Protein backbone atom coordinates (compact mmCIF):
# COMPACT_ATOMS: atom_id res chain seq x y z
CA MET A 1 -96.33 33.99 23.61
CA GLU A 2 -99.86 33.59 22.25
CA ALA A 3 -100.01 34.97 18.71
CA VAL A 4 -102.65 37.66 19.29
CA ALA A 5 -100.94 38.94 22.44
CA TRP A 6 -97.59 39.02 20.63
CA LEU A 7 -99.05 41.03 17.76
CA ASP A 8 -100.69 43.50 20.13
CA SER A 9 -97.42 43.99 22.00
CA VAL A 10 -95.22 44.57 18.93
CA LYS A 11 -97.70 46.93 17.25
CA ARG A 12 -97.79 49.20 20.28
CA GLY A 13 -96.14 52.53 19.56
CA ARG A 14 -95.43 51.75 15.90
CA SER A 15 -96.62 53.63 12.85
CA ALA A 16 -99.95 52.77 11.26
CA ARG A 17 -98.09 51.40 8.24
CA ASP A 18 -95.91 49.10 10.30
CA GLY A 19 -98.90 47.94 12.33
CA ARG A 20 -100.76 46.99 9.18
CA LEU A 21 -97.76 45.17 7.77
CA LEU A 22 -97.06 43.26 10.98
CA GLU A 23 -100.66 42.10 11.15
CA ARG A 24 -100.76 41.09 7.49
CA ALA A 25 -97.42 39.29 7.70
CA GLN A 26 -98.31 37.27 10.78
CA ARG A 27 -101.69 36.39 9.28
CA THR A 28 -99.92 35.22 6.11
CA LEU A 29 -97.51 32.93 7.95
CA MET A 30 -100.16 31.37 10.15
CA GLY A 31 -102.56 31.09 7.22
CA ASN A 32 -99.94 29.06 5.35
CA LEU A 33 -100.05 26.22 7.87
CA LEU A 34 -101.03 23.14 5.89
CA GLU A 35 -103.97 21.17 7.25
CA PRO A 36 -104.45 17.52 6.16
CA ALA A 37 -107.81 16.29 5.01
CA PRO A 38 -109.86 14.53 7.70
CA GLY A 39 -108.51 11.05 8.37
CA THR A 40 -105.24 11.66 6.53
CA ASP A 41 -101.72 12.73 7.44
CA PHE A 42 -98.93 14.57 5.72
CA PRO A 43 -95.57 12.81 5.27
CA TRP A 44 -94.13 15.08 7.98
CA SER A 45 -96.91 14.46 10.55
CA PRO A 46 -97.19 14.97 13.49
CA TYR A 47 -95.14 18.13 12.83
CA ARG A 48 -96.98 21.13 11.44
CA GLY A 49 -95.63 22.41 8.14
CA ILE A 50 -95.80 25.96 6.79
CA ALA A 51 -96.11 26.18 3.00
CA PRO A 52 -94.53 29.01 1.01
CA SER A 53 -97.98 29.78 -0.45
CA PRO A 54 -100.81 27.22 -0.25
CA GLY A 55 -102.27 28.34 -3.55
CA HIS A 56 -99.02 27.77 -5.43
CA TYR A 57 -96.74 25.48 -3.41
CA GLN A 58 -98.27 22.38 -1.84
CA GLY A 59 -95.49 21.21 0.41
CA VAL A 60 -92.68 22.43 2.63
CA TRP A 61 -89.54 23.85 1.01
CA ASN A 62 -86.06 23.86 2.49
CA TRP A 63 -84.90 27.45 2.91
CA ASP A 64 -88.49 28.71 3.09
CA ALA A 65 -88.94 26.57 6.20
CA ALA A 66 -85.81 28.03 7.77
CA PHE A 67 -86.90 31.60 7.05
CA HIS A 68 -90.39 30.84 8.39
CA ALA A 69 -88.99 29.22 11.52
CA ARG A 70 -86.70 32.11 12.36
CA THR A 71 -89.61 34.57 12.40
CA VAL A 72 -92.42 32.38 13.76
CA ALA A 73 -90.19 31.74 16.79
CA ARG A 74 -91.08 35.26 17.92
CA TRP A 75 -94.56 34.13 18.98
CA ASP A 76 -94.50 30.31 18.72
CA PRO A 77 -91.04 28.76 19.32
CA ALA A 78 -92.55 25.27 19.35
CA LEU A 79 -93.91 25.73 15.82
CA ALA A 80 -90.54 27.12 14.74
CA ARG A 81 -88.72 24.07 16.08
CA GLU A 82 -91.18 21.83 14.23
CA GLN A 83 -90.08 23.34 10.89
CA VAL A 84 -86.54 22.24 11.70
CA ARG A 85 -87.43 18.79 12.99
CA LEU A 86 -89.68 18.28 9.97
CA PHE A 87 -86.79 18.68 7.55
CA LEU A 88 -84.27 16.78 9.63
CA ARG A 89 -86.62 13.79 9.48
CA PHE A 90 -85.83 13.63 5.75
CA GLN A 91 -82.06 14.11 6.05
CA GLN A 92 -80.19 11.77 3.69
CA GLN A 93 -77.42 9.36 4.67
CA THR A 94 -74.96 11.79 3.10
CA GLY A 95 -76.12 14.53 5.45
CA GLN A 96 -77.90 16.42 2.68
CA LEU A 97 -81.29 17.99 3.33
CA PRO A 98 -83.87 17.71 0.53
CA ASP A 99 -85.09 20.58 -1.58
CA VAL A 100 -88.78 19.99 -0.87
CA VAL A 101 -91.17 17.56 0.78
CA TYR A 102 -94.46 17.67 -1.11
CA ALA A 103 -97.79 17.13 0.58
CA ASN A 104 -98.33 14.02 -1.58
CA GLY A 105 -95.20 12.38 -0.17
CA THR A 106 -92.78 13.08 -3.02
CA THR A 107 -89.39 14.26 -1.78
CA VAL A 108 -86.80 15.93 -4.00
CA THR A 109 -83.32 14.82 -2.92
CA ARG A 110 -81.16 15.26 -6.05
CA PHE A 111 -80.37 18.78 -4.83
CA GLY A 112 -81.04 20.94 -1.80
CA LYS A 113 -81.16 24.63 -1.00
CA PRO A 114 -78.74 27.18 0.52
CA PRO A 115 -77.54 26.06 3.98
CA ILE A 116 -79.34 28.42 6.34
CA PHE A 117 -81.04 26.06 8.82
CA PRO A 118 -78.25 26.28 11.43
CA TRP A 119 -78.43 30.11 11.28
CA ALA A 120 -82.19 29.91 11.85
CA CYS A 121 -81.79 27.48 14.75
CA VAL A 122 -79.46 29.81 16.63
CA ARG A 123 -82.07 32.55 16.38
CA ILE A 124 -84.80 30.21 17.65
CA ASP A 125 -82.61 29.29 20.62
CA GLU A 126 -81.92 32.96 21.37
CA ILE A 127 -85.66 33.60 21.60
CA GLN A 128 -86.37 30.54 23.74
CA ALA A 129 -83.47 28.38 24.89
CA ASP A 130 -84.08 24.65 24.63
CA ASP A 131 -81.13 22.40 25.53
CA ALA A 132 -82.89 19.21 24.41
CA PHE A 133 -83.66 20.69 20.99
CA LEU A 134 -80.07 21.83 20.46
CA ALA A 135 -78.72 18.48 21.60
CA ALA A 136 -81.00 16.76 19.07
CA VAL A 137 -80.25 18.96 16.04
CA TYR A 138 -76.54 19.62 16.55
CA PRO A 139 -75.35 16.14 15.39
CA ALA A 140 -77.62 16.41 12.34
CA PHE A 141 -76.13 19.78 11.44
CA LYS A 142 -72.61 18.38 11.85
CA ARG A 143 -73.54 15.82 9.18
CA TYR A 144 -75.03 18.62 7.09
CA GLU A 145 -71.77 20.58 7.19
CA ALA A 146 -69.87 17.41 6.29
CA PHE A 147 -72.08 16.99 3.22
CA TRP A 148 -71.35 20.49 1.96
CA ARG A 149 -67.64 20.06 2.65
CA SER A 150 -67.35 16.66 0.97
CA GLU A 151 -69.82 17.03 -1.92
CA ARG A 152 -69.99 20.76 -2.60
CA SER A 153 -66.51 22.19 -2.05
CA ARG A 154 -63.33 22.56 -4.05
CA GLU A 155 -60.14 24.33 -2.98
CA GLY A 156 -61.82 25.25 0.27
CA LEU A 157 -64.71 27.09 -1.40
CA PHE A 158 -68.31 25.96 -1.92
CA PHE A 159 -70.51 25.57 -5.00
CA TYR A 160 -73.99 24.39 -6.02
CA ASP A 161 -74.62 21.11 -7.82
CA SER A 162 -77.06 18.23 -8.38
CA LEU A 163 -76.90 14.45 -8.44
CA CYS A 164 -78.46 14.39 -11.92
CA ARG A 165 -76.19 12.66 -14.48
CA ASP A 166 -77.55 14.51 -17.50
CA GLU A 167 -75.31 17.56 -17.80
CA ALA A 168 -77.96 19.99 -19.02
CA ARG A 169 -80.44 18.92 -16.37
CA ARG A 170 -77.71 19.02 -13.74
CA GLU A 171 -77.12 22.70 -14.53
CA VAL A 172 -80.83 23.46 -14.16
CA GLU A 173 -81.09 21.63 -10.86
CA ALA A 174 -77.98 23.30 -9.48
CA LYS A 175 -79.71 26.63 -10.19
CA TYR A 176 -82.68 25.38 -8.18
CA GLU A 177 -80.31 24.48 -5.35
CA SER A 178 -79.09 28.08 -5.29
CA GLY A 179 -82.65 29.32 -4.71
CA TRP A 180 -82.01 32.05 -7.34
CA ASP A 181 -83.48 29.78 -10.02
CA THR A 182 -83.37 31.92 -13.17
CA SER A 183 -80.80 34.48 -12.07
CA VAL A 184 -78.65 36.32 -14.58
CA ARG A 185 -75.77 35.17 -12.36
CA TRP A 186 -76.10 31.67 -13.83
CA ASP A 187 -76.52 32.51 -17.51
CA LEU A 188 -73.07 31.12 -18.36
CA GLY A 189 -73.43 28.12 -16.07
CA ILE A 190 -73.48 27.51 -12.33
CA THR A 191 -71.73 24.25 -11.45
CA ARG A 192 -68.29 25.73 -12.26
CA LEU A 193 -68.88 28.85 -10.18
CA TRP A 194 -68.10 29.65 -6.57
CA PRO A 195 -71.10 31.80 -5.56
CA VAL A 196 -70.22 34.52 -3.09
CA ASP A 197 -73.47 34.26 -1.10
CA LEU A 198 -73.17 30.48 -0.68
CA ASN A 199 -69.72 30.88 0.81
CA VAL A 200 -71.02 33.52 3.19
CA TYR A 201 -73.87 31.20 4.17
CA MET A 202 -71.22 28.62 5.05
CA VAL A 203 -69.44 31.18 7.24
CA MET A 204 -72.80 31.60 8.95
CA VAL A 205 -73.11 27.81 9.29
CA TYR A 206 -69.76 27.69 11.09
CA GLY A 207 -70.78 30.55 13.35
CA ALA A 208 -74.03 28.81 14.19
CA LEU A 209 -72.33 25.46 14.86
CA ALA A 210 -69.85 27.22 17.14
CA ARG A 211 -72.70 28.76 19.12
CA MET A 212 -74.54 25.45 19.36
CA ALA A 213 -71.39 23.66 20.51
CA GLY A 214 -70.74 26.37 23.07
CA ARG A 215 -74.28 26.09 24.43
CA LEU A 216 -73.75 22.33 24.74
CA SER A 217 -70.39 22.85 26.56
CA LEU A 218 -68.42 21.32 23.68
CA GLU A 219 -65.69 23.93 23.85
CA GLU A 220 -63.11 22.18 21.64
CA GLU A 221 -65.69 21.71 18.90
CA ALA A 222 -66.82 25.32 19.27
CA ALA A 223 -63.24 26.52 18.81
CA ALA A 224 -62.79 24.34 15.73
CA TRP A 225 -65.98 25.70 14.15
CA ARG A 226 -64.88 29.27 14.89
CA LYS A 227 -61.57 28.61 13.17
CA SER A 228 -63.31 27.11 10.12
CA GLY A 229 -65.53 30.16 9.89
CA ALA A 230 -62.63 32.59 10.25
CA ASP A 231 -60.58 30.74 7.63
CA LEU A 232 -63.46 30.72 5.15
CA GLY A 233 -64.17 34.37 5.89
CA ASP A 234 -60.59 35.22 4.97
CA LEU A 235 -60.98 33.36 1.68
CA VAL A 236 -64.23 35.19 0.90
CA ARG A 237 -62.64 38.57 1.58
CA GLN A 238 -59.64 37.77 -0.61
CA ARG A 239 -61.01 35.62 -3.44
CA PHE A 240 -64.38 37.23 -4.15
CA TRP A 241 -63.37 40.88 -4.04
CA SER A 242 -62.55 42.78 -7.25
CA ASP A 243 -60.97 46.22 -7.17
CA ARG A 244 -61.91 46.65 -10.82
CA GLY A 245 -65.59 46.02 -10.12
CA ALA A 246 -65.50 47.63 -6.66
CA SER A 247 -67.54 44.75 -5.30
CA PHE A 248 -67.73 41.08 -4.37
CA PHE A 249 -68.63 38.73 -7.23
CA ASP A 250 -69.14 35.05 -7.99
CA VAL A 251 -65.89 33.50 -9.25
CA ASN A 252 -65.29 31.01 -12.06
CA GLN A 253 -63.51 27.95 -10.66
CA ASP A 254 -61.42 27.35 -13.77
CA SER A 255 -60.26 30.84 -14.70
CA LYS A 256 -60.42 32.17 -11.11
CA ARG A 257 -61.93 35.32 -12.61
CA PRO A 258 -64.97 37.19 -11.24
CA THR A 259 -68.19 37.24 -13.23
CA TYR A 260 -68.70 41.00 -12.72
CA VAL A 261 -72.45 40.48 -12.32
CA HIS A 262 -73.65 42.94 -9.67
CA SER A 263 -76.42 41.50 -7.48
CA PRO A 264 -77.56 41.62 -3.83
CA ALA A 265 -75.25 38.63 -3.29
CA SER A 266 -72.42 41.15 -3.60
CA PHE A 267 -73.54 42.58 -0.24
CA MET A 268 -73.59 39.29 1.69
CA PRO A 269 -70.02 39.64 3.05
CA LEU A 270 -71.19 42.83 4.78
CA TYR A 271 -74.06 41.00 6.48
CA ALA A 272 -71.64 38.49 8.02
CA GLY A 273 -69.01 41.11 8.92
CA ILE A 274 -66.40 39.70 6.52
CA ALA A 275 -65.70 42.82 4.45
CA THR A 276 -63.16 45.49 5.29
CA ALA A 277 -64.47 49.00 5.97
CA GLU A 278 -63.09 50.16 2.61
CA GLN A 279 -64.73 47.29 0.74
CA ALA A 280 -68.03 48.11 2.46
CA ARG A 281 -67.70 51.78 1.53
CA ARG A 282 -67.23 50.96 -2.14
CA VAL A 283 -70.14 48.51 -2.14
CA ALA A 284 -72.28 51.16 -0.43
CA ASP A 285 -71.49 53.52 -3.30
CA LEU A 286 -73.02 50.96 -5.66
CA ALA A 287 -76.10 50.65 -3.45
CA ALA A 288 -76.61 54.41 -3.55
CA ASP A 289 -76.32 54.57 -7.34
CA PRO A 290 -79.73 54.80 -9.14
CA ALA A 291 -78.09 53.12 -12.13
CA ARG A 292 -77.21 50.09 -10.01
CA PHE A 293 -79.32 49.35 -6.92
CA PHE A 294 -81.08 52.40 -5.53
CA PRO A 295 -83.82 52.26 -4.38
CA GLY A 296 -85.22 48.80 -5.12
CA MET A 297 -82.22 46.49 -4.53
CA PRO A 298 -83.03 44.46 -7.68
CA THR A 299 -81.73 40.91 -8.03
CA VAL A 300 -79.40 42.11 -10.77
CA SER A 301 -78.26 45.70 -11.13
CA TYR A 302 -80.51 48.08 -13.05
CA ASP A 303 -77.81 48.67 -15.66
CA HIS A 304 -77.27 45.02 -16.55
CA PRO A 305 -78.38 44.31 -20.15
CA GLU A 306 -80.50 41.36 -18.99
CA TYR A 307 -82.24 43.25 -16.17
CA ALA A 308 -86.04 42.87 -16.19
CA SER A 309 -87.94 44.56 -13.38
CA SER A 310 -90.62 41.90 -12.85
CA ASP A 311 -89.08 38.71 -14.30
CA TYR A 312 -88.70 36.26 -11.38
CA TRP A 313 -84.98 36.30 -10.33
CA ARG A 314 -83.83 38.47 -13.25
CA GLY A 315 -84.47 41.88 -11.74
CA PRO A 316 -87.35 42.08 -9.24
CA THR A 317 -86.93 42.82 -5.55
CA TRP A 318 -86.91 39.73 -3.33
CA LEU A 319 -87.22 40.68 0.32
CA ASN A 320 -84.84 38.01 1.62
CA ALA A 321 -82.01 39.18 -0.66
CA ALA A 322 -82.78 42.83 0.09
CA TYR A 323 -82.82 42.19 3.84
CA PHE A 324 -79.33 40.67 3.92
CA ALA A 325 -77.98 43.46 1.72
CA LEU A 326 -79.50 46.34 3.68
CA LYS A 327 -78.64 44.86 7.07
CA GLY A 328 -75.08 44.51 5.84
CA LEU A 329 -74.93 48.16 4.81
CA ARG A 330 -76.30 49.18 8.18
CA ARG A 331 -73.76 47.02 9.99
CA TYR A 332 -70.93 48.97 8.37
CA GLY A 333 -72.31 52.37 9.26
CA HIS A 334 -74.25 53.16 6.09
CA GLY A 335 -77.48 53.45 8.04
CA ASP A 336 -79.01 56.44 6.30
CA LEU A 337 -78.75 54.72 2.93
CA ALA A 338 -80.10 51.44 4.27
CA ASP A 339 -82.93 53.21 6.12
CA SER A 340 -84.00 55.03 2.97
CA MET A 341 -84.10 51.83 0.91
CA ARG A 342 -85.92 49.93 3.66
CA GLU A 343 -88.59 52.62 3.92
CA GLN A 344 -89.26 52.52 0.21
CA LEU A 345 -89.50 48.72 0.23
CA LEU A 346 -91.94 48.69 3.14
CA ASP A 347 -93.99 51.50 1.57
CA GLY A 348 -94.28 49.37 -1.56
CA CYS A 349 -95.40 46.32 0.42
CA ASP A 350 -97.98 48.45 2.20
CA ARG A 351 -99.39 49.83 -1.06
CA GLU A 352 -100.03 46.27 -2.24
CA GLY A 353 -102.62 45.94 0.50
CA GLU A 354 -104.39 42.86 -0.79
CA SER A 355 -101.51 40.48 -0.07
CA ILE A 356 -97.83 39.97 0.61
CA PHE A 357 -96.27 38.83 -2.63
CA GLU A 358 -93.46 36.45 -3.58
CA TYR A 359 -91.45 39.30 -5.12
CA TYR A 360 -91.94 42.89 -6.24
CA ASP A 361 -91.27 44.86 -9.40
CA SER A 362 -88.06 46.72 -8.59
CA ARG A 363 -89.17 49.82 -10.50
CA SER A 364 -92.88 50.17 -9.71
CA GLY A 365 -93.05 48.17 -6.48
CA LYS A 366 -96.01 46.17 -7.80
CA GLY A 367 -96.39 42.71 -6.29
CA ALA A 368 -95.72 39.68 -8.50
CA GLY A 369 -95.52 35.90 -8.28
CA ALA A 370 -97.39 33.97 -5.62
CA ARG A 371 -99.69 35.74 -3.20
CA SER A 372 -99.60 35.23 0.57
CA PHE A 373 -95.93 34.32 0.35
CA GLY A 374 -94.41 33.09 3.59
CA TRP A 375 -90.81 34.21 3.49
CA SER A 376 -91.76 37.66 2.21
CA ALA A 377 -94.05 37.91 5.22
CA ALA A 378 -91.20 36.76 7.46
CA PHE A 379 -88.86 39.43 6.14
CA VAL A 380 -91.48 42.15 6.41
CA ILE A 381 -91.55 41.32 10.12
CA GLU A 382 -87.75 41.24 10.34
CA PHE A 383 -87.41 44.56 8.49
CA ILE A 384 -89.67 46.14 11.11
CA LEU A 385 -88.68 44.38 14.34
CA ASP A 386 -85.05 43.41 13.80
CA TRP A 387 -83.81 46.50 12.00
CA ASP A 388 -81.73 47.67 14.95
CA GLY A 389 -80.56 44.20 15.97
CA ALA A 390 -76.91 43.24 15.75
CA GLU A 391 -75.94 40.51 13.29
CA GLY A 392 -73.13 38.02 13.54
CA PRO A 393 -71.99 35.03 11.48
CA GLY A 394 -74.23 32.66 13.42
CA THR A 395 -77.31 34.86 13.67
């Protein structure tokens, strides 16, 4: 659907606030398309790349591209598929996808980003089915899963890492691979942790691969992927839950003990439908607690001693993390709570009328970080248009 016609159709009957946000968000995403100088090409040409924020990030980043693709597919499925093909062009022999492809041609391959591309591809295919596209990307995503299983798993659970040999630098780069670069979650180290959200992302990978295989009539492969996802889901439900903390937590690989750091990652098992109803109820109690997460869904709980309301990943609201958490709460029947938090987040985005920001102060709602930020724009759209949509491991 042509972009203007799409916007007109989705704004119809919505509140003035939501109409403004939808328009601003779509304008942000399309304004972040990188254009080469006359007579030159980007390293990903002829594909069109969407930058996170042209004023701050000159290139195309891994999970940003997946988030962008999943939303842009609503009005331009071809552009969405290009974000996927763009990154698969740079897939390594190991199956790994790079962290970033810069506009100047530099590619960062020592580490990647959370594995969400298969999840995004399923959504693109739901919006506009394309057998040839699925047939092309499915083998690449099989290699991608094999990379995570062979290079980033231990005892059946997944972790973040880097190829860097210097131990201190390796820790830093593994944090970059997580996407939560400076998070309090990693203050005592990351490479010896099993992060709860990463393992849920892998459940989503298996769900997405199962759907792709099913669409391609590869029924035995689809069944195998479903089993892998179910098995990992069982491990997440058992290994990451703490009765003492009444939540899901990252787990130390050596001690097998939880970190007890409350963050939006604690809600990821709800998004994928892994949690029991009782686990979801107890996590919802934390979400409703003004001392923990209500109303801003900060990236570490308000009561953590290292919480800082506007300090990058150490306390602000990031819309991607908030989206997964609130959709998970809604999935388990805690809709009134999720609705209330969503409304306050969208009200805050609307008040910052000059731009859509990279992240937001989780106390004041003030925008921070890069302006015209792509994945924040994508999740503004998803918060408005996909709020009532069902979620499954692959979608």
